[in-house]
C-alpha cells in the first residue's frame, strides 16, 4: 500500500528531520507500506493537510500536535521536563505497548515521539538576564500556543505573534528582542545573526521540545504505530547525538548561565504557569502527573516532590 507522509522541517527536504524520516522507508517497506515523503517548511500547512486527509501521516512539533492528542501535546509543558534523563525515562515509558491507549485519540494515533532538545531563550541583548528585565520586551511567540502566550504575558513581556516559519527572521532582523528555540535551530535558522554581537542564549530549559509522528489509524495496519515507536526508541541515541552536537556548536561565550538561586525561582514560576494551564484544560492531567513522577524519581529533593 502507498501512504503519504507529510514532514515538517523548517529547512525543507535537506533538513535533519526529513533525513530521519527517510530511515523509516525501508522499515515500512518490509511491512508492505511504501511511504511517499513530502517536505513542508510551514508547519501549519502540514497540520491542515493532515487534518483534511491529504496526508496519511504527519510529523509535527509537540505543541502543534496538541490538537490531535492532548496527552502527547502536554509533553512540551513549561518546565515539565528539566533535562535529558527525565526525557529518556518519559520516552521509554511511552514506547511500551501498555501506553498505547494514551496515544490514541479518535481517528488519530501518535506513532512516535522524538526529542528535539531543551528550549532556550535567545536574546539580542545580554543585559536582559533576569525575569525583571523581560518587562515590556518584545518576544516572538507562537500565537497558536496558549501556553507560550500565557508565559510571555506572565513575565510582563509583549507578545509578537509568530510561527515556526517566521520567528527566526523577526529575531534576526530586530523586530523582536527575544525568541525561544532549541539548540538544533541555532545554525539552520541562522539565529546567530540575531544573537551577535551583543546577545546570548540563556541556558535554562523553558520546556523540552519534541516531534511527533501522527497517523490516521484507519489507513495503516493496527500494529503500525507500535512498529514506529519500536524504531524510534532504537534510534533515540542518534537523536540525542544531534542535540548534543547542536548544543556544542553554540560558542561558549554565547551561553548565559543563570545563578542557581535564580533557577529555583524560575522552576517555581514555570510550575505556577503550568498548573494554571492545567486548571484551564490546556494540559492533560495524566501527562502532567506522569512527568511530575519522573521529575521526582530523578531528583527527590525538588520542593514539589514533598507535596
Protein backbone atom coordinates (compact mmCIF):
# COMPACT_ATOMS: atom_id res chain seq x y z
CA UNK A 1 0.00 0.00 0.00
CA UNK A 2 1.19 3.52 -0.78
CA UNK A 3 0.86 6.09 2.00
CA UNK A 4 1.76 9.78 2.12
CA UNK A 5 3.91 11.06 4.98
CA UNK A 6 3.98 14.86 5.32
CA UNK A 7 7.08 16.02 7.19
CA UNK A 8 7.52 19.42 8.79
CA UNK A 9 11.15 20.51 8.60
CA UNK A 10 11.95 24.24 8.75
CA UNK A 11 14.90 23.61 6.41
CA UNK A 12 12.82 21.58 3.94
CA UNK A 13 13.82 18.38 2.12
CA UNK A 14 17.51 18.91 3.02
CA UNK A 15 16.82 19.27 6.74
CA UNK A 16 17.64 16.93 9.65
CA UNK A 17 14.02 15.95 10.37
CA UNK A 18 13.39 14.94 6.78
CA UNK A 19 16.64 12.92 6.84
CA UNK A 20 15.46 11.00 9.94
CA UNK A 21 12.08 10.17 8.37
CA UNK A 22 13.83 8.75 5.29
CA UNK A 23 15.15 5.97 7.54
CA UNK A 24 11.53 4.86 8.09
CA UNK A 25 11.12 3.95 4.43
CA UNK A 26 12.90 0.56 4.41
CA UNK A 27 11.24 -0.45 7.69
CA UNK A 28 7.79 0.41 6.34
CA UNK A 29 8.54 -1.37 3.06
CA UNK A 30 9.18 -4.62 4.95
CA UNK A 31 5.62 -4.28 6.28
CA UNK A 32 4.27 -3.70 2.77
CA UNK A 33 3.90 0.08 3.10
CA UNK A 34 5.52 2.36 0.52
CA UNK A 35 5.96 5.83 2.04
CA UNK A 36 5.70 8.92 -0.15
CA UNK A 37 7.59 11.62 1.81
CA UNK A 38 6.65 15.28 1.34
CA UNK A 39 8.58 18.12 2.97
CA UNK A 40 6.80 21.16 4.47
CA UNK A 41 8.58 24.27 5.72
CA UNK A 42 5.29 25.66 7.11
CA UNK A 43 4.06 23.53 9.98
CA UNK A 44 0.53 24.97 9.97
CA UNK A 45 0.03 23.88 6.34
CA UNK A 46 1.31 20.35 7.14
CA UNK A 47 -1.15 20.07 10.06
CA UNK A 48 -4.06 21.34 7.96
CA UNK A 49 -3.29 19.00 5.07
CA UNK A 50 -3.16 16.09 7.52
CA UNK A 51 -6.47 17.11 9.14
CA UNK A 52 -8.05 17.40 5.68
CA UNK A 53 -6.95 13.85 4.89
CA UNK A 54 -4.39 14.83 2.24
CA UNK A 55 -1.61 13.21 4.33
CA UNK A 56 -1.92 9.73 5.82
CA UNK A 57 0.81 10.51 8.37
CA UNK A 58 2.47 13.72 9.53
CA UNK A 59 5.49 14.85 11.54
CA UNK A 60 4.83 17.92 13.74
CA UNK A 61 6.19 19.61 16.85
CA UNK A 62 4.59 18.55 20.13
CA UNK A 63 2.87 21.93 20.52
CA UNK A 64 1.21 21.73 17.10
CA UNK A 65 0.32 18.07 17.75
CA UNK A 66 -1.81 19.06 20.76
CA UNK A 67 -4.91 19.43 18.60
CA UNK A 68 -4.62 15.75 17.63
CA UNK A 69 -3.73 14.34 21.05
CA UNK A 70 -3.95 16.37 24.25
CA UNK A 71 -1.89 13.85 26.25
CA UNK A 72 1.20 13.93 23.99
CA UNK A 73 0.56 17.63 23.31
CA UNK A 74 1.24 18.19 27.02
CA UNK A 75 4.76 16.70 26.88
CA UNK A 76 6.15 20.14 25.96
CA UNK A 77 4.57 21.72 29.07
CA UNK A 78 6.59 24.58 30.58
CA UNK A 79 9.32 23.23 32.87
CA UNK A 80 7.77 19.76 32.98
CA UNK A 81 10.90 18.01 31.66
CA UNK A 82 14.08 19.59 33.08
CA UNK A 83 16.61 17.53 31.12
CA UNK A 84 17.71 14.53 29.11
CA UNK A 85 17.48 11.95 31.91
CA UNK A 86 13.81 12.78 32.53
CA UNK A 87 13.10 12.82 28.79
CA UNK A 88 14.62 9.37 28.29
CA UNK A 89 12.50 7.93 31.12
CA UNK A 90 9.41 9.53 29.60
CA UNK A 91 10.11 8.16 26.10
CA UNK A 92 10.84 4.68 27.42
CA UNK A 93 7.53 4.74 29.27
CA UNK A 94 5.55 5.90 26.23
CA UNK A 95 7.15 3.40 23.84
CA UNK A 96 5.80 0.42 25.82
CA UNK A 97 2.75 -1.35 24.42
CA UNK A 98 0.66 -0.69 27.54
CA UNK A 99 0.99 3.07 26.90
CA UNK A 100 -0.90 2.84 23.61
CA UNK A 101 -4.32 3.92 25.00
CA UNK A 102 -2.80 7.31 25.88
CA UNK A 103 -1.54 7.71 22.32
CA UNK A 104 -4.89 7.14 20.62
CA UNK A 105 -7.44 9.92 20.26
CA UNK A 106 -10.37 9.18 17.96
CA UNK A 107 -9.08 8.55 14.42
CA UNK A 108 -5.55 9.61 15.34
CA UNK A 109 -2.64 7.71 16.85
CA UNK A 110 0.70 9.18 17.92
CA UNK A 111 3.02 6.62 16.37
CA UNK A 112 6.25 8.07 17.71
CA UNK A 113 7.83 10.85 19.73
CA UNK A 114 11.37 12.16 19.09
CA UNK A 115 13.40 14.53 21.28
CA UNK A 116 14.10 18.00 19.90
CA UNK A 117 16.10 19.23 22.89
CA UNK A 118 15.70 21.87 25.56
CA UNK A 119 14.08 25.16 24.53
CA UNK A 120 16.24 28.19 25.39
CA UNK A 121 15.56 31.91 25.38
CA UNK A 122 17.67 33.74 22.76
CA UNK A 123 18.26 37.45 23.36
CA UNK A 124 19.73 40.24 21.25
CA UNK A 125 20.97 42.00 24.44
CA UNK A 126 22.90 40.25 27.24
CA UNK A 127 21.67 42.89 29.70
CA UNK A 128 18.33 41.05 29.61
CA UNK A 129 19.44 38.41 32.13
CA UNK A 130 16.56 38.14 34.60
CA UNK A 131 12.76 37.90 34.65
CA UNK A 132 12.55 41.56 35.75
CA UNK A 133 14.46 42.61 32.63
CA UNK A 134 11.79 40.98 30.42
CA UNK A 135 9.19 43.63 31.34
CA UNK A 136 7.94 45.26 28.17
CA UNK A 137 10.36 43.39 25.90
CA UNK A 138 9.07 42.00 22.59
CA UNK A 139 9.17 38.19 22.36
CA UNK A 140 8.46 36.22 19.16
CA UNK A 141 5.66 33.98 20.45
CA UNK A 142 3.90 31.04 18.78
CA UNK A 143 0.50 32.70 18.64
CA UNK A 144 -1.41 29.41 18.26
CA UNK A 145 0.06 28.12 21.54
CA UNK A 146 -1.97 29.20 24.59
CA UNK A 147 0.85 28.13 26.91
CA UNK A 148 3.51 30.33 25.27
CA UNK A 149 1.22 33.36 25.15
CA UNK A 150 0.34 32.88 28.85
CA UNK A 151 4.01 32.56 29.82
CA UNK A 152 5.09 35.69 27.93
CA UNK A 153 2.28 37.73 29.49
CA UNK A 154 3.05 36.30 32.93
CA UNK A 155 6.55 37.82 32.87
CA UNK A 156 5.20 41.16 31.65
CA UNK A 157 6.70 40.92 28.17
CA UNK A 158 4.98 41.80 24.91
CA UNK A 159 3.64 39.01 22.64
CA UNK A 160 4.65 39.37 19.00
CA UNK A 161 2.61 36.75 17.16
CA UNK A 162 4.84 34.41 15.17
CA UNK A 163 5.03 30.89 13.77
CA UNK A 164 7.73 28.31 13.10
CA UNK A 165 8.32 29.76 9.62
CA UNK A 166 8.89 33.41 10.56
CA UNK A 167 10.02 33.71 14.20
CA UNK A 168 13.73 33.43 13.32
CA UNK A 169 13.52 36.19 10.72
CA UNK A 170 11.82 38.52 13.22
CA UNK A 171 14.55 37.83 15.77
CA UNK A 172 17.41 38.18 13.31
CA UNK A 173 16.20 41.48 11.85
CA UNK A 174 15.45 43.05 15.24
CA UNK A 175 11.64 43.12 15.01
CA UNK A 176 11.66 41.36 18.41
CA UNK A 177 14.08 41.45 21.36
CA UNK A 178 13.89 37.75 22.20
CA UNK A 179 12.90 34.39 20.74
CA UNK A 180 12.84 30.86 22.15
CA UNK A 181 14.11 27.78 20.33
CA UNK A 182 16.10 24.58 20.86
CA UNK A 183 19.82 24.45 20.01
CA UNK A 184 19.06 22.42 16.86
CA UNK A 185 17.53 25.60 15.36
CA UNK A 186 20.56 27.84 16.05
CA UNK A 187 22.55 27.15 12.86
CA UNK A 188 19.84 26.09 10.34
CA UNK A 189 17.68 29.14 11.14
CA UNK A 190 20.77 31.38 11.49
CA UNK A 191 19.79 32.60 14.97
CA UNK A 192 23.43 33.63 15.47
CA UNK A 193 22.63 36.63 13.28
CA UNK A 194 20.25 37.90 15.96
CA UNK A 195 22.47 36.89 18.87
CA UNK A 196 25.62 38.66 17.62
CA UNK A 197 27.21 40.96 18.57
CA UNK A 198 25.54 41.80 21.90
CA UNK A 199 23.21 38.91 22.66
CA UNK A 200 23.29 35.41 24.05
CA UNK A 201 21.45 32.15 24.72
CA UNK A 202 20.11 31.74 28.25
CA UNK A 203 20.99 28.23 29.45
CA UNK A 204 17.78 27.31 31.25
CA UNK A 205 15.31 24.79 29.81
CA UNK A 206 11.93 26.52 29.49
CA UNK A 207 10.50 23.28 28.09
CA UNK A 208 11.70 20.21 26.23
CA UNK A 209 10.77 20.18 22.57
CA UNK A 210 9.67 17.05 20.78
CA UNK A 211 8.49 15.97 17.35
CA UNK A 212 5.59 13.58 16.89
CA UNK A 213 4.53 11.22 14.12
CA UNK A 214 0.72 11.11 13.93
CA UNK A 215 -1.22 8.74 11.70
CA UNK A 216 -4.80 8.29 10.53
CA UNK A 217 -5.41 4.94 12.24
CA UNK A 218 -7.79 3.61 9.60
CA UNK A 219 -5.17 3.97 6.85
CA UNK A 220 -2.49 1.76 8.42
CA UNK A 221 -2.31 -1.77 9.84
CA UNK A 222 -3.25 -1.89 13.53
CA UNK A 223 0.33 -2.54 14.67
CA UNK A 224 1.87 0.28 12.57
CA UNK A 225 2.00 2.74 15.46
CA UNK A 226 3.85 0.34 17.74
CA UNK A 227 6.22 -0.52 14.90
CA UNK A 228 7.19 3.16 14.56
CA UNK A 229 7.57 3.53 18.34
CA UNK A 230 9.88 0.50 18.45
CA UNK A 231 12.02 2.02 15.69
CA UNK A 232 12.01 5.44 17.34
CA UNK A 233 13.28 4.13 20.68
CA UNK A 234 16.06 2.22 18.90
CA UNK A 235 17.18 5.47 17.27
CA UNK A 236 16.89 7.65 20.34
CA UNK A 237 20.66 7.87 20.82
CA UNK A 238 21.03 9.24 17.28
CA UNK A 239 18.56 11.99 18.15
CA UNK A 240 20.44 12.86 21.34
CA UNK A 241 23.74 12.93 19.42
CA UNK A 242 22.22 15.51 17.05
CA UNK A 243 21.03 17.59 20.04
CA UNK A 244 24.42 17.34 21.81
CA UNK A 245 26.24 18.34 18.63
CA UNK A 246 23.92 21.35 18.18
CA UNK A 247 24.43 22.49 21.78
CA UNK A 248 28.21 22.09 21.47
CA UNK A 249 28.04 24.14 18.24
CA UNK A 250 26.87 27.24 20.12
CA UNK A 251 30.08 29.09 21.17
CA UNK A 252 30.88 29.14 24.92
CA UNK A 253 30.85 32.93 25.04
CA UNK A 254 27.28 32.98 23.66
CA UNK A 255 25.80 30.94 26.53
CA UNK A 256 24.47 32.87 29.53
CA UNK A 257 24.38 30.88 32.79
CA UNK A 258 21.78 31.91 35.40
CA UNK A 259 22.83 31.72 39.08
CA UNK A 260 21.48 28.68 40.97
CA UNK A 261 19.18 30.72 43.24
CA UNK A 262 17.51 32.21 40.14
CA UNK A 263 16.99 28.73 38.66
CA UNK A 264 14.96 27.69 41.73
CA UNK A 265 12.77 30.78 41.27
CA UNK A 266 12.30 30.05 37.55
CA UNK A 267 11.26 26.49 38.41
CA UNK A 268 8.58 27.83 40.77
CA UNK A 269 7.37 30.36 38.22
CA UNK A 270 7.03 27.72 35.45
CA UNK A 271 5.21 25.41 37.87
CA UNK A 272 2.71 28.18 38.66
CA UNK A 273 2.03 28.79 34.94
CA UNK A 274 1.88 25.02 34.24
CA UNK A 275 -0.73 24.45 36.95
CA UNK A 276 -2.85 27.41 35.77
CA UNK A 277 -2.86 25.94 32.24
CA UNK A 278 -3.83 22.56 33.68
CA UNK A 279 -6.74 24.17 35.54
CA UNK A 280 -7.88 25.83 32.30
CA UNK A 281 -7.88 22.49 30.46
CA UNK A 282 -4.97 23.33 28.12
CA UNK A 283 -2.84 20.49 29.53
CA UNK A 284 -3.76 16.85 30.17
CA UNK A 285 -3.71 15.98 33.87
CA UNK A 286 -2.43 12.41 33.31
CA UNK A 287 0.59 13.69 31.37
CA UNK A 288 1.33 16.38 33.99
CA UNK A 289 1.17 13.72 36.77
CA UNK A 290 3.40 11.31 34.84
CA UNK A 291 6.06 13.97 34.25
CA UNK A 292 5.98 15.05 37.90
CA UNK A 293 6.51 11.42 38.97
CA UNK A 294 9.51 11.22 36.61
CA UNK A 295 10.99 14.53 37.88
CA UNK A 296 10.72 13.33 41.47
CA UNK A 297 12.20 9.94 40.59
CA UNK A 298 15.27 11.67 39.11
CA UNK A 299 15.55 14.32 41.85
CA UNK A 300 13.53 13.69 45.01
CA UNK A 301 14.92 16.86 46.64
CA UNK A 302 12.76 19.12 44.41
CA UNK A 303 10.38 21.19 46.55
CA UNK A 304 7.33 19.93 44.59
CA UNK A 305 8.13 16.31 45.48
CA UNK A 306 7.12 16.80 49.10
CA UNK A 307 3.57 17.80 48.07
